[in-house]
Amino acid sequence: MTAKPGSLAALPVGGSAVVCRVRGDRAVVRRLLEVGLVPGTKVTMRRIAPLGDPIELRVRNFALSIRRSEALGIDIE
């Protein structure tokens, strides 16, 4: 999968951004919103696993690991 510009998957390690929109399967979107990935939230890319999946984020002062495929559905600015 190729990261598209403006998606969370394209954020470099150490980079920060603000979530604009969460897209994807209804169950996945619901879970991501429940753990705090809501529009307006600042996120920081902490690390990426050696094979590129999963990725670890800093969200609301806690660490969150998500799949790269889920990160592709999160638009950032």
N, C-alpha and C. Protein backbone atom coordinates (compact mmCIF):
# COMPACT_ATOMS: atom_id res chain seq x y z
N MET A 1 0.83 -1.19 0.00
CA MET A 1 0.00 0.00 0.00
C MET A 1 0.87 1.24 0.00
N THR A 2 0.54 2.19 -0.81
CA THR A 2 1.27 3.44 -0.87
C THR A 2 0.53 4.49 -0.07
N ALA A 3 1.28 5.22 0.76
CA ALA A 3 0.67 6.29 1.55
C ALA A 3 0.33 7.45 0.65
N LYS A 4 -0.86 7.98 0.79
CA LYS A 4 -1.23 9.14 -0.01
C LYS A 4 -0.93 10.40 0.79
N PRO A 5 -0.57 11.49 0.11
CA PRO A 5 -0.29 12.74 0.82
C PRO A 5 -1.52 13.15 1.61
N GLY A 6 -1.30 13.59 2.82
CA GLY A 6 -2.40 14.02 3.66
C GLY A 6 -2.98 12.91 4.51
N SER A 7 -2.44 11.69 4.37
CA SER A 7 -2.92 10.60 5.24
C SER A 7 -1.93 10.41 6.38
N LEU A 8 -2.42 9.91 7.48
CA LEU A 8 -1.57 9.68 8.65
C LEU A 8 -0.43 8.73 8.33
N ALA A 9 -0.63 7.81 7.40
CA ALA A 9 0.41 6.85 7.03
C ALA A 9 1.63 7.53 6.41
N ALA A 10 1.47 8.75 5.88
CA ALA A 10 2.58 9.47 5.25
C ALA A 10 3.38 10.31 6.24
N LEU A 11 2.93 10.41 7.48
CA LEU A 11 3.61 11.23 8.48
C LEU A 11 4.94 10.58 8.86
N PRO A 12 6.05 11.33 8.85
CA PRO A 12 7.34 10.75 9.21
C PRO A 12 7.46 10.57 10.73
N VAL A 13 8.36 9.70 11.15
CA VAL A 13 8.61 9.50 12.58
C VAL A 13 9.04 10.83 13.19
N GLY A 14 8.43 11.19 14.30
CA GLY A 14 8.71 12.45 14.97
C GLY A 14 7.82 13.59 14.50
N GLY A 15 7.11 13.38 13.40
CA GLY A 15 6.23 14.42 12.85
C GLY A 15 4.90 14.48 13.60
N SER A 16 4.32 15.67 13.63
CA SER A 16 3.02 15.87 14.27
C SER A 16 2.03 16.45 13.27
N ALA A 17 0.77 16.19 13.50
CA ALA A 17 -0.30 16.70 12.63
C ALA A 17 -1.60 16.69 13.41
N VAL A 18 -2.62 17.26 12.79
CA VAL A 18 -3.96 17.30 13.38
C VAL A 18 -4.89 16.45 12.52
N VAL A 19 -5.68 15.60 13.16
CA VAL A 19 -6.64 14.75 12.46
C VAL A 19 -7.75 15.62 11.88
N CYS A 20 -8.04 15.43 10.59
CA CYS A 20 -9.13 16.16 9.92
C CYS A 20 -10.37 15.28 9.76
N ARG A 21 -10.14 14.02 9.36
CA ARG A 21 -11.26 13.12 9.06
C ARG A 21 -10.80 11.68 9.20
N VAL A 22 -11.71 10.82 9.65
CA VAL A 22 -11.44 9.39 9.76
C VAL A 22 -12.41 8.67 8.83
N ARG A 23 -11.86 7.90 7.88
CA ARG A 23 -12.66 7.19 6.88
C ARG A 23 -12.38 5.70 6.96
N GLY A 24 -13.28 4.92 6.38
CA GLY A 24 -13.06 3.48 6.31
C GLY A 24 -14.28 2.69 6.74
N ASP A 25 -14.05 1.43 7.04
CA ASP A 25 -15.10 0.54 7.49
C ASP A 25 -15.74 1.10 8.77
N ARG A 26 -17.04 1.00 8.86
CA ARG A 26 -17.78 1.58 9.99
C ARG A 26 -17.24 1.13 11.35
N ALA A 27 -16.96 -0.16 11.50
CA ALA A 27 -16.47 -0.69 12.78
C ALA A 27 -15.08 -0.13 13.11
N VAL A 28 -14.22 -0.02 12.11
CA VAL A 28 -12.88 0.52 12.32
C VAL A 28 -12.96 2.00 12.69
N VAL A 29 -13.77 2.76 11.96
CA VAL A 29 -13.93 4.19 12.25
C VAL A 29 -14.43 4.37 13.68
N ARG A 30 -15.41 3.59 14.06
CA ARG A 30 -15.96 3.70 15.42
C ARG A 30 -14.89 3.43 16.47
N ARG A 31 -14.09 2.39 16.27
CA ARG A 31 -13.04 2.05 17.23
C ARG A 31 -12.00 3.16 17.33
N LEU A 32 -11.60 3.71 16.18
CA LEU A 32 -10.61 4.79 16.18
C LEU A 32 -11.14 6.04 16.87
N LEU A 33 -12.41 6.35 16.66
CA LEU A 33 -13.01 7.50 17.33
C LEU A 33 -13.09 7.26 18.84
N GLU A 34 -13.41 6.03 19.24
CA GLU A 34 -13.51 5.69 20.66
C GLU A 34 -12.18 5.82 21.39
N VAL A 35 -11.07 5.56 20.70
CA VAL A 35 -9.76 5.65 21.35
C VAL A 35 -9.15 7.05 21.26
N GLY A 36 -9.90 7.99 20.69
CA GLY A 36 -9.45 9.38 20.71
C GLY A 36 -8.99 9.98 19.41
N LEU A 37 -9.03 9.24 18.32
CA LEU A 37 -8.63 9.80 17.02
C LEU A 37 -9.81 10.53 16.38
N VAL A 38 -10.18 11.64 16.99
CA VAL A 38 -11.31 12.44 16.50
C VAL A 38 -10.77 13.68 15.79
N PRO A 39 -11.54 14.24 14.86
CA PRO A 39 -11.09 15.46 14.18
C PRO A 39 -10.72 16.55 15.19
N GLY A 40 -9.57 17.20 14.92
CA GLY A 40 -9.07 18.25 15.79
C GLY A 40 -8.02 17.78 16.78
N THR A 41 -7.80 16.47 16.86
CA THR A 41 -6.83 15.91 17.80
C THR A 41 -5.42 15.92 17.20
N LYS A 42 -4.44 16.35 18.00
CA LYS A 42 -3.04 16.34 17.56
C LYS A 42 -2.48 14.94 17.76
N VAL A 43 -1.75 14.44 16.76
CA VAL A 43 -1.09 13.14 16.83
C VAL A 43 0.38 13.30 16.45
N THR A 44 1.22 12.47 17.05
CA THR A 44 2.65 12.44 16.73
C THR A 44 3.03 11.01 16.38
N MET A 45 3.76 10.84 15.29
CA MET A 45 4.24 9.52 14.89
C MET A 45 5.44 9.17 15.77
N ARG A 46 5.32 8.14 16.58
CA ARG A 46 6.40 7.75 17.49
C ARG A 46 7.36 6.77 16.83
N ARG A 47 6.81 5.72 16.21
CA ARG A 47 7.68 4.74 15.54
C ARG A 47 6.88 3.90 14.57
N ILE A 48 7.62 3.30 13.66
CA ILE A 48 7.03 2.41 12.65
C ILE A 48 7.74 1.07 12.78
N ALA A 49 6.99 -0.01 12.82
CA ALA A 49 7.57 -1.34 12.94
C ALA A 49 8.49 -1.61 11.74
N PRO A 50 9.49 -2.49 11.91
CA PRO A 50 10.45 -2.75 10.83
C PRO A 50 9.83 -3.10 9.48
N LEU A 51 8.73 -3.79 9.45
CA LEU A 51 8.09 -4.14 8.18
C LEU A 51 7.01 -3.13 7.80
N GLY A 52 6.92 -2.03 8.54
CA GLY A 52 5.98 -0.96 8.21
C GLY A 52 4.60 -1.09 8.84
N ASP A 53 4.37 -2.14 9.59
CA ASP A 53 3.05 -2.34 10.19
C ASP A 53 3.20 -3.10 11.49
N PRO A 54 2.67 -2.64 12.60
CA PRO A 54 1.85 -1.46 12.82
C PRO A 54 2.69 -0.20 13.01
N ILE A 55 1.97 0.91 13.23
CA ILE A 55 2.64 2.17 13.55
C ILE A 55 2.20 2.59 14.95
N GLU A 56 3.09 3.28 15.66
CA GLU A 56 2.78 3.74 17.01
C GLU A 56 2.65 5.25 17.01
N LEU A 57 1.56 5.72 17.57
CA LEU A 57 1.26 7.15 17.63
C LEU A 57 1.20 7.63 19.07
N ARG A 58 1.39 8.92 19.24
CA ARG A 58 1.14 9.56 20.53
C ARG A 58 -0.14 10.37 20.36
N VAL A 59 -1.18 10.00 21.11
CA VAL A 59 -2.49 10.64 21.01
C VAL A 59 -2.98 10.95 22.42
N ARG A 60 -3.27 12.22 22.68
CA ARG A 60 -3.81 12.62 23.99
C ARG A 60 -3.00 12.06 25.15
N ASN A 61 -1.69 12.14 25.03
CA ASN A 61 -0.75 11.74 26.08
C ASN A 61 -0.71 10.23 26.35
N PHE A 62 -1.07 9.40 25.36
CA PHE A 62 -0.87 7.96 25.49
C PHE A 62 -0.42 7.39 24.16
N ALA A 63 0.19 6.21 24.21
CA ALA A 63 0.67 5.54 23.00
C ALA A 63 -0.44 4.69 22.42
N LEU A 64 -0.59 4.74 21.10
CA LEU A 64 -1.62 3.99 20.39
C LEU A 64 -0.99 3.35 19.16
N SER A 65 -1.16 2.04 19.02
CA SER A 65 -0.68 1.34 17.83
C SER A 65 -1.87 1.00 16.94
N ILE A 66 -1.73 1.32 15.64
CA ILE A 66 -2.78 1.00 14.68
C ILE A 66 -2.14 0.40 13.43
N ARG A 67 -2.95 -0.26 12.64
CA ARG A 67 -2.47 -0.83 11.38
C ARG A 67 -2.22 0.28 10.36
N ARG A 68 -1.30 0.04 9.48
CA ARG A 68 -1.03 1.00 8.41
C ARG A 68 -2.26 1.22 7.53
N SER A 69 -3.01 0.14 7.29
CA SER A 69 -4.23 0.27 6.47
C SER A 69 -5.24 1.19 7.14
N GLU A 70 -5.30 1.20 8.45
CA GLU A 70 -6.19 2.12 9.17
C GLU A 70 -5.67 3.55 9.07
N ALA A 71 -4.36 3.71 9.15
CA ALA A 71 -3.76 5.04 9.06
C ALA A 71 -3.99 5.68 7.69
N LEU A 72 -4.11 4.85 6.65
CA LEU A 72 -4.38 5.38 5.30
C LEU A 72 -5.74 6.06 5.22
N GLY A 73 -6.66 5.69 6.10
CA GLY A 73 -7.99 6.28 6.11
C GLY A 73 -8.14 7.48 7.01
N ILE A 74 -7.04 7.93 7.61
CA ILE A 74 -7.08 9.09 8.51
C ILE A 74 -6.43 10.27 7.81
N ASP A 75 -7.23 11.27 7.50
CA ASP A 75 -6.73 12.48 6.83
C ASP A 75 -6.19 13.44 7.88
N ILE A 76 -5.03 14.04 7.58
CA ILE A 76 -4.39 14.97 8.51
C ILE A 76 -4.07 16.29 7.81
N GLU A 77 -3.79 17.29 8.61
CA GLU A 77 -3.33 18.58 8.06
C GLU A 77 -2.17 19.08 8.90
